[in-house]
Amino acid sequence: MFVDATHSLSHLRGDVRAIDVSIVMPCLDEAISLPHCIANARRALDLIETRHGLFGEIVIADNGSTDGSQQLATGLGARVVPVERRGYGAALIGGCEGAYGRYLLMGDADGSYDFTDGVAMIGELLDGADLCMGSRFRGGIAPGAMPWKNRYIGNPVLTGILNLFFRSGISDAHCGLRAITRDCFASLDLSGSGMEFASEMVIKASLRRFRLAEVPATLSVDLRDRAPHLRPWRDGWRHLRYLMMLSPTWVFGVPGVVALGVGLALFAMALMQALAPGSFPAVGNYWVVLAAALVSGGHLCGMLAFAGKLYGLRAGYRAARPWELRLGEKLSLEAMLLSGLAISGTGVAVLAAVFWKWTARDFGATYSILPAVLGTTLVTMGMQTVMGGFLMAILGGNESRFYRMQAVPPLPLR
């Protein structure tokens, strides 16, 4: 009865190139739910063949099951791809790499997703989308299918942060039912081994300006007789840290701009008070020290933001904007070295003037530390610029110019 993975797969075994769609399920001891999931996936493939004229296969990405899931899946007509590296993301990556289809439809093997919802996803890919996500909030969540803290706190917060950072426009970034073209999957070079894989796919597709689509998907109570592999706090943190690591603009750039703005404002207030006493509210020495910390810290954050963007461009998961290419072509190690030395030189000159004034006072105490703090801050920023130049040259491939046109992946053509 359960001989073939799809209605037409028995006619295609001799030519894997004829397989258009691969339904990929990560599996770790899912013997209880696999019969339901494979039967449901077969219905989805029948609908895909009827509506779109595409043939498919069912791939079980086994992550080391010990309950006989492999033999059960094979007996039900699915193809088992063993994945040694452990983790939800690792299983999906291994399964997709071993799949034959040019369209990959992935979903959990616990019975919580209806693979027939994926028929519309394949239609979106055929219409030009590169990645199509399911939205459980648009399709419906059965009572008890999602813990309240995931439904009302974790998922909305993480999806909101993802959309803020990367402008993905997705309402449910962690839906386990999704479809992607093989070309898009290969170009994203996904690496997340755990549940953060879900965010990584959306983030990198957004950074590369691939076309994203979304369709409703339903979520049911899973069929397992054990606790799910998901660990809300651990996996929530793994999702959040991925959002932060892949967004140097928000992790470094935004805090850096704020710190620079506040620090420079404090310095300006102190300078106005020093040059024209009484013309501006007094800014004491403690505020001057704080201003120095904010300015030097903000400058460092800016360097790290640029380095993070450069790494993303060189690694291939970020597409370069025209202004980034123009800026990157002009900046070089030599330019940053000269800038850093000039800034530090200015700071040394300020400190030399402070020292001369100090000797003129017979080494007596000074009322204001503003000149000394300004000079020290300039020296610090100059050193950071020099060291940052070397860091970016290393990230840019050990070359003087940080990156060139041909080294940066272009925006996908539409």
Protein backbone atom coordinates (compact mmCIF):
# COMPACT_ATOMS: atom_id res chain seq x y z
CA MET A 1 0.00 0.00 0.00
CA PHE A 2 2.73 2.46 1.00
CA VAL A 3 5.24 1.74 -1.74
CA ASP A 4 5.98 5.15 -3.25
CA ALA A 5 6.51 8.57 -1.73
CA THR A 6 4.26 10.28 -4.29
CA HIS A 7 1.61 9.34 -6.79
CA SER A 8 4.10 9.42 -9.65
CA LEU A 9 7.43 8.81 -7.95
CA SER A 10 7.56 5.15 -9.00
CA HIS A 11 7.87 6.32 -12.60
CA LEU A 12 10.64 8.80 -11.78
CA ARG A 13 13.14 6.79 -9.71
CA GLY A 14 15.41 6.40 -12.69
CA ASP A 15 15.72 10.15 -13.24
CA VAL A 16 15.93 12.33 -10.15
CA ARG A 17 16.03 15.41 -12.38
CA ALA A 18 12.30 14.91 -12.97
CA ILE A 19 11.52 15.62 -9.32
CA ASP A 20 10.39 19.23 -8.95
CA VAL A 21 9.30 19.47 -5.30
CA SER A 22 10.86 17.95 -2.20
CA ILE A 23 8.92 17.93 1.06
CA VAL A 24 11.58 17.82 3.78
CA MET A 25 10.85 16.91 7.41
CA PRO A 26 13.40 16.93 10.24
CA CYS A 27 13.01 13.82 12.33
CA LEU A 28 14.22 12.75 15.77
CA ASP A 29 12.20 9.86 17.20
CA GLU A 30 8.92 10.71 15.47
CA ALA A 31 7.61 7.17 14.85
CA ILE A 32 4.20 8.01 16.34
CA SER A 33 3.50 10.97 14.06
CA LEU A 34 5.37 9.94 10.89
CA PRO A 35 2.53 7.89 9.33
CA HIS A 36 0.17 10.85 9.58
CA CYS A 37 2.77 13.33 8.30
CA ILE A 38 3.85 11.22 5.33
CA ALA A 39 0.24 10.56 4.34
CA ASN A 40 -0.50 14.28 4.66
CA ALA A 41 2.59 15.14 2.59
CA ARG A 42 1.47 12.68 -0.08
CA ARG A 43 -1.88 14.46 -0.32
CA ALA A 44 -0.02 17.74 -0.68
CA LEU A 45 2.11 16.33 -3.51
CA ASP A 46 -1.00 15.05 -5.28
CA LEU A 47 -2.48 18.55 -5.12
CA ILE A 48 0.78 20.10 -6.31
CA GLU A 49 0.82 17.72 -9.28
CA THR A 50 -2.83 18.46 -10.09
CA ARG A 51 -2.61 22.25 -9.79
CA HIS A 52 0.92 22.95 -10.93
CA GLY A 53 1.98 19.89 -12.89
CA LEU A 54 4.98 19.26 -10.64
CA PHE A 55 6.20 15.93 -9.34
CA GLY A 56 7.66 15.47 -5.90
CA GLU A 57 9.26 13.36 -3.23
CA ILE A 58 9.15 13.09 0.55
CA VAL A 59 12.48 13.39 2.37
CA ILE A 60 12.91 12.48 6.03
CA ALA A 61 16.02 14.17 7.41
CA ASP A 62 16.80 11.79 10.25
CA ASN A 63 18.83 13.26 13.09
CA GLY A 64 19.73 10.00 14.85
CA SER A 65 16.37 8.45 15.73
CA THR A 66 16.42 5.37 17.95
CA ASP A 67 12.72 4.47 17.76
CA GLY A 68 12.75 2.96 14.27
CA SER A 69 11.64 6.12 12.48
CA GLN A 70 14.04 5.41 9.60
CA GLN A 71 12.59 1.98 8.77
CA LEU A 72 9.05 3.25 9.23
CA ALA A 73 9.62 6.19 6.86
CA THR A 74 11.21 3.98 4.22
CA GLY A 75 8.34 1.52 4.47
CA LEU A 76 5.88 4.35 3.94
CA GLY A 77 7.61 5.39 0.72
CA ALA A 78 9.71 8.30 1.92
CA ARG A 79 13.41 8.69 1.29
CA VAL A 80 15.56 8.92 4.43
CA VAL A 81 18.59 11.24 4.49
CA PRO A 82 20.76 10.64 7.57
CA VAL A 83 22.07 13.86 9.15
CA GLU A 84 24.84 13.35 11.68
CA ARG A 85 25.07 16.93 12.96
CA ARG A 86 22.48 17.36 15.68
CA GLY A 87 19.86 20.07 15.84
CA TYR A 88 16.65 21.20 14.15
CA GLY A 89 18.43 23.51 11.74
CA ALA A 90 21.18 21.01 11.01
CA ALA A 91 18.59 18.37 10.12
CA LEU A 92 16.77 20.68 7.73
CA ILE A 93 20.00 21.84 6.10
CA GLY A 94 21.13 18.25 5.60
CA GLY A 95 17.72 17.18 4.33
CA CYS A 96 17.49 20.05 1.85
CA GLU A 97 21.01 19.38 0.62
CA GLY A 98 20.08 15.74 0.02
CA ALA A 99 16.75 16.56 -1.65
CA TYR A 100 16.32 16.37 -5.42
CA GLY A 101 13.66 19.02 -5.97
CA ARG A 102 14.21 22.55 -7.23
CA TYR A 103 11.48 23.68 -4.82
CA LEU A 104 11.88 22.75 -1.17
CA LEU A 105 8.86 22.61 1.14
CA MET A 106 9.79 22.02 4.76
CA GLY A 107 7.70 21.31 7.83
CA ASP A 108 7.87 19.52 11.16
CA ALA A 109 7.27 15.79 11.45
CA ASP A 110 5.13 16.04 14.58
CA GLY A 111 1.74 16.44 12.92
CA SER A 112 1.30 20.09 13.88
CA TYR A 113 1.40 21.40 10.29
CA ASP A 114 -0.84 20.60 7.35
CA PHE A 115 1.37 20.14 4.29
CA THR A 116 -1.54 20.89 1.99
CA ASP A 117 -1.10 24.51 3.13
CA GLY A 118 2.19 24.30 1.26
CA VAL A 119 0.45 23.95 -2.11
CA ALA A 120 -0.14 27.70 -2.15
CA MET A 121 3.49 28.24 -1.15
CA ILE A 122 4.72 26.35 -4.20
CA GLY A 123 2.38 28.52 -6.25
CA GLU A 124 4.05 31.64 -4.81
CA LEU A 125 7.46 30.28 -5.79
CA LEU A 126 6.22 29.60 -9.30
CA ASP A 127 5.00 33.21 -9.43
CA GLY A 128 8.48 34.51 -8.69
CA ALA A 129 8.95 34.42 -4.92
CA ASP A 130 12.23 33.03 -3.61
CA LEU A 131 11.00 32.23 -0.10
CA CYS A 132 7.42 31.75 1.03
CA MET A 133 6.57 31.68 4.72
CA GLY A 134 3.49 30.32 6.42
CA SER A 135 1.66 32.54 8.89
CA ARG A 136 -0.03 30.74 11.76
CA PHE A 137 -1.54 34.00 12.95
CA ARG A 138 -3.31 34.40 9.60
CA GLY A 139 -4.21 30.73 9.16
CA GLY A 140 -5.30 29.78 12.66
CA ILE A 141 -3.87 28.21 15.80
CA ALA A 142 -5.79 25.38 17.43
CA PRO A 143 -6.38 25.60 21.20
CA GLY A 144 -3.38 24.17 23.03
CA ALA A 145 -1.20 24.07 19.92
CA MET A 146 1.08 26.93 21.00
CA PRO A 147 2.01 27.90 24.59
CA TRP A 148 0.67 31.31 25.57
CA LYS A 149 4.15 32.76 26.19
CA ASN A 150 5.18 31.80 22.65
CA ARG A 151 1.96 33.05 21.08
CA TYR A 152 1.63 36.37 22.88
CA ILE A 153 5.20 37.22 23.92
CA GLY A 154 8.03 35.29 22.29
CA ASN A 155 6.89 35.07 18.68
CA PRO A 156 5.43 38.59 18.36
CA VAL A 157 8.44 40.19 20.08
CA LEU A 158 11.07 38.32 18.06
CA THR A 159 9.17 38.77 14.79
CA GLY A 160 8.77 42.48 15.56
CA ILE A 161 12.49 42.88 16.24
CA LEU A 162 13.30 40.96 13.06
CA ASN A 163 11.06 43.21 10.99
CA LEU A 164 12.50 46.32 12.64
CA PHE A 165 16.09 45.25 12.01
CA PHE A 166 15.69 43.75 8.54
CA ARG A 167 12.36 45.08 7.17
CA SER A 168 11.20 41.60 6.20
CA GLY A 169 7.47 42.35 6.36
CA ILE A 170 6.71 38.87 7.74
CA SER A 171 3.98 38.36 10.36
CA ASP A 172 5.24 34.98 11.62
CA ALA A 173 8.99 34.59 11.21
CA HIS A 174 9.13 31.30 13.13
CA CYS A 175 6.50 29.28 11.32
CA GLY A 176 7.91 25.80 10.67
CA LEU A 177 6.07 25.43 7.36
CA ARG A 178 7.90 27.29 4.58
CA ALA A 179 8.99 26.85 0.98
CA ILE A 180 12.14 28.05 -0.75
CA THR A 181 13.72 27.66 -4.16
CA ARG A 182 16.87 25.58 -4.30
CA ASP A 183 18.84 28.47 -5.80
CA CYS A 184 17.85 30.75 -2.93
CA PHE A 185 18.58 28.05 -0.35
CA ALA A 186 22.04 27.43 -1.79
CA SER A 187 22.95 31.11 -1.98
CA LEU A 188 21.98 31.82 1.64
CA ASP A 189 24.63 29.41 2.96
CA LEU A 190 22.61 28.67 6.09
CA SER A 191 24.49 27.37 9.12
CA GLY A 192 22.24 27.57 12.20
CA SER A 193 22.06 24.16 13.83
CA GLY A 194 19.24 24.87 16.29
CA MET A 195 15.87 26.58 16.27
CA GLU A 196 17.55 29.87 15.27
CA PHE A 197 17.64 28.39 11.77
CA ALA A 198 14.10 29.72 11.30
CA SER A 199 15.20 33.31 11.86
CA GLU A 200 18.45 32.90 9.94
CA MET A 201 16.65 31.96 6.74
CA VAL A 202 14.35 34.99 6.83
CA ILE A 203 17.14 37.38 7.85
CA LYS A 204 19.58 36.34 5.17
CA ALA A 205 16.89 36.29 2.48
CA SER A 206 15.93 39.83 3.51
CA LEU A 207 19.55 41.02 3.55
CA ARG A 208 20.11 39.63 0.07
CA ARG A 209 16.90 41.32 -1.15
CA PHE A 210 15.29 38.07 -2.22
CA ARG A 211 11.57 38.21 -2.81
CA LEU A 212 9.58 37.02 0.20
CA ALA A 213 5.93 35.96 0.24
CA GLU A 214 3.56 34.76 2.94
CA VAL A 215 0.44 32.58 2.96
CA PRO A 216 -1.83 31.41 5.80
CA ALA A 217 -0.89 28.20 7.60
CA THR A 218 -2.72 26.30 10.31
CA LEU A 219 -1.17 24.94 13.49
CA SER A 220 -2.64 21.90 15.24
CA VAL A 221 -1.81 20.13 18.47
CA ASP A 222 1.09 17.81 17.73
CA LEU A 223 0.71 14.03 17.87
CA ARG A 224 3.71 13.23 20.06
CA ASP A 225 3.51 11.52 23.44
CA ARG A 226 6.55 13.38 24.80
CA ALA A 227 7.66 16.93 25.42
CA PRO A 228 8.68 18.90 22.30
CA HIS A 229 12.35 19.50 21.51
CA LEU A 230 11.71 23.26 21.70
CA ARG A 231 13.04 24.99 24.82
CA PRO A 232 11.40 28.45 24.90
CA TRP A 233 14.00 30.43 26.86
CA ARG A 234 17.06 28.77 25.37
CA ASP A 235 15.77 28.84 21.82
CA GLY A 236 14.34 32.34 22.27
CA TRP A 237 17.80 33.58 23.20
CA ARG A 238 19.32 31.74 20.23
CA HIS A 239 16.84 33.52 17.94
CA LEU A 240 17.53 36.90 19.55
CA ARG A 241 21.30 36.58 19.37
CA TYR A 242 21.02 35.73 15.66
CA LEU A 243 19.01 38.89 15.10
CA MET A 244 21.70 40.88 16.87
CA MET A 245 24.71 39.20 15.27
CA LEU A 246 23.36 39.71 11.75
CA SER A 247 22.45 43.38 12.29
CA PRO A 248 25.59 45.45 12.93
CA THR A 249 23.53 48.57 12.21
CA TRP A 250 21.34 48.02 15.27
CA VAL A 251 23.92 46.34 17.52
CA PHE A 252 26.72 48.83 16.88
CA GLY A 253 25.56 51.62 14.60
CA VAL A 254 22.47 52.91 16.40
CA PRO A 255 24.05 52.84 19.91
CA GLY A 256 27.16 54.45 18.42
CA VAL A 257 25.21 57.32 16.86
CA VAL A 258 23.33 57.92 20.11
CA ALA A 259 26.54 57.85 22.16
CA LEU A 260 28.32 60.18 19.74
CA GLY A 261 25.41 62.59 19.68
CA VAL A 262 25.12 62.84 23.46
CA GLY A 263 28.90 62.99 23.96
CA LEU A 264 29.42 65.72 21.38
CA ALA A 265 26.53 67.71 22.85
CA LEU A 266 28.14 67.55 26.29
CA PHE A 267 31.51 68.61 24.85
CA ALA A 268 29.85 71.51 23.01
CA MET A 269 28.14 72.66 26.20
CA ALA A 270 31.43 72.47 28.12
CA LEU A 271 33.30 74.40 25.41
CA MET A 272 30.64 77.14 25.29
CA GLN A 273 30.80 77.51 29.05
CA ALA A 274 34.62 77.64 28.95
CA LEU A 275 34.76 80.24 26.16
CA ALA A 276 31.90 82.39 27.44
CA PRO A 277 31.31 81.74 31.16
CA GLY A 278 27.70 82.16 32.17
CA SER A 279 26.40 81.92 28.61
CA PHE A 280 25.38 78.30 29.05
CA PRO A 281 24.46 76.05 31.99
CA ALA A 282 27.65 74.86 33.65
CA VAL A 283 29.00 71.44 32.68
CA GLY A 284 31.30 70.12 35.38
CA ASN A 285 34.33 67.89 35.14
CA TYR A 286 32.35 64.69 35.71
CA TRP A 287 30.17 65.46 32.69
CA VAL A 288 33.28 66.10 30.61
CA VAL A 289 34.65 62.66 31.55
CA LEU A 290 31.30 61.13 30.59
CA ALA A 291 31.37 62.98 27.27
CA ALA A 292 34.81 61.53 26.52
CA ALA A 293 33.63 58.01 27.25
CA LEU A 294 30.55 58.44 25.05
CA VAL A 295 32.44 59.95 22.12
CA SER A 296 35.24 57.38 22.12
CA GLY A 297 32.75 54.55 22.67
CA GLY A 298 30.48 55.83 19.91
CA HIS A 299 33.43 56.09 17.54
CA LEU A 300 34.39 52.50 18.33
CA CYS A 301 30.80 51.35 17.74
CA GLY A 302 30.86 53.02 14.33
CA MET A 303 34.03 51.16 13.40
CA LEU A 304 32.50 47.87 14.54
CA ALA A 305 29.31 48.55 12.57
CA PHE A 306 31.31 49.09 9.40
CA ALA A 307 33.40 45.97 10.09
CA GLY A 308 30.23 43.93 10.64
CA LYS A 309 28.73 45.12 7.37
CA LEU A 310 31.99 44.38 5.58
CA TYR A 311 32.04 40.84 6.94
CA GLY A 312 28.44 40.27 5.83
CA LEU A 313 29.24 41.50 2.34
CA ARG A 314 32.34 39.35 2.04
CA ALA A 315 30.55 36.29 3.50
CA GLY A 316 27.82 36.64 0.87
CA TYR A 317 24.70 36.87 3.02
CA ARG A 318 24.35 40.65 2.68
CA ALA A 319 23.75 42.49 -0.58
CA ALA A 320 25.65 45.73 -1.11
CA ARG A 321 23.78 48.96 -1.61
CA PRO A 322 25.19 51.42 -4.17
CA TRP A 323 26.38 53.87 -1.49
CA GLU A 324 28.15 51.06 0.36
CA LEU A 325 30.00 50.10 -2.80
CA ARG A 326 31.04 53.70 -3.47
CA LEU A 327 32.19 54.19 0.11
CA GLY A 328 34.00 50.87 0.18
CA GLU A 329 35.84 51.63 -3.02
CA LYS A 330 37.15 54.91 -1.62
CA LEU A 331 38.16 53.73 1.83
CA SER A 332 41.45 51.94 2.25
CA LEU A 333 43.88 50.96 4.97
CA GLU A 334 46.16 53.86 4.05
CA ALA A 335 43.31 56.37 4.25
CA MET A 336 42.37 55.18 7.72
CA LEU A 337 45.99 55.14 8.87
CA LEU A 338 46.49 58.74 7.76
CA SER A 339 43.19 59.80 9.33
CA GLY A 340 44.01 58.04 12.57
CA LEU A 341 47.47 59.55 12.77
CA ALA A 342 46.07 63.01 12.05
CA ILE A 343 43.46 62.67 14.80
CA SER A 344 46.01 61.36 17.28
CA GLY A 345 48.46 64.08 16.26
CA THR A 346 45.86 66.73 16.98
CA GLY A 347 45.25 65.16 20.37
CA VAL A 348 48.99 65.12 21.15
CA ALA A 349 49.20 68.81 20.22
CA VAL A 350 46.32 69.60 22.60
CA LEU A 351 48.00 67.62 25.38
CA ALA A 352 51.29 69.41 24.68
CA ALA A 353 49.52 72.75 25.12
CA VAL A 354 48.02 71.46 28.37
CA PHE A 355 51.47 70.47 29.57
CA TRP A 356 52.91 73.88 28.63
CA LYS A 357 50.11 75.63 30.53
CA TRP A 358 50.77 73.35 33.49
CA THR A 359 54.46 74.28 33.61
CA ALA A 360 53.51 77.95 33.30
CA ARG A 361 51.46 77.57 36.47
CA ASP A 362 54.46 76.04 38.27
CA PHE A 363 52.70 72.66 38.04
CA GLY A 364 49.70 73.89 39.98
CA ALA A 365 46.22 72.36 39.81
CA THR A 366 43.80 73.43 37.09
CA TYR A 367 40.15 74.31 37.46
CA SER A 368 38.97 72.64 34.26
CA ILE A 369 40.03 69.25 32.92
CA LEU A 370 38.30 69.91 29.59
CA PRO A 371 41.47 70.49 27.46
CA ALA A 372 43.21 67.40 28.84
CA VAL A 373 40.14 65.23 28.33
CA LEU A 374 39.68 66.55 24.78
CA GLY A 375 43.29 65.76 23.89
CA THR A 376 43.11 62.30 25.43
CA THR A 377 39.87 61.57 23.59
CA LEU A 378 41.40 62.57 20.25
CA VAL A 379 44.43 60.35 20.87
CA THR A 380 42.12 57.43 21.73
CA MET A 381 39.98 57.94 18.64
CA GLY A 382 43.06 58.13 16.44
CA MET A 383 44.37 54.85 17.81
CA GLN A 384 40.98 53.22 17.29
CA THR A 385 40.93 54.45 13.69
CA VAL A 386 44.37 52.97 13.00
CA MET A 387 43.54 49.63 14.61
CA GLY A 388 40.12 49.61 12.94
CA GLY A 389 41.77 50.10 9.57
CA PHE A 390 43.85 46.97 10.05
CA LEU A 391 40.81 45.02 11.27
CA MET A 392 38.80 45.95 8.18
CA ALA A 393 41.72 45.18 5.89
CA ILE A 394 41.85 41.70 7.42
CA LEU A 395 38.08 41.22 7.01
CA GLY A 396 38.37 42.56 3.46
CA GLY A 397 40.65 39.72 2.47
CA ASN A 398 44.01 41.00 3.69
CA GLU A 399 44.00 43.75 1.08
CA SER A 400 44.55 47.47 1.36
CA ARG A 401 41.16 48.25 -0.12
CA PHE A 402 38.49 46.77 2.07
CA TYR A 403 36.28 45.41 -0.68
CA ARG A 404 35.85 45.73 -4.39
CA MET A 405 32.86 45.49 -6.69
CA GLN A 406 33.57 41.98 -7.85
CA ALA A 407 34.06 40.69 -4.31
CA VAL A 408 30.60 41.74 -3.14
CA PRO A 409 27.44 39.78 -4.07
CA PRO A 410 25.13 41.98 -6.12
CA LEU A 411 21.45 42.54 -5.47
CA PRO A 412 19.31 39.78 -7.03
CA LEU A 413 17.89 40.75 -10.40
CA ARG A 414 14.12 41.11 -10.59
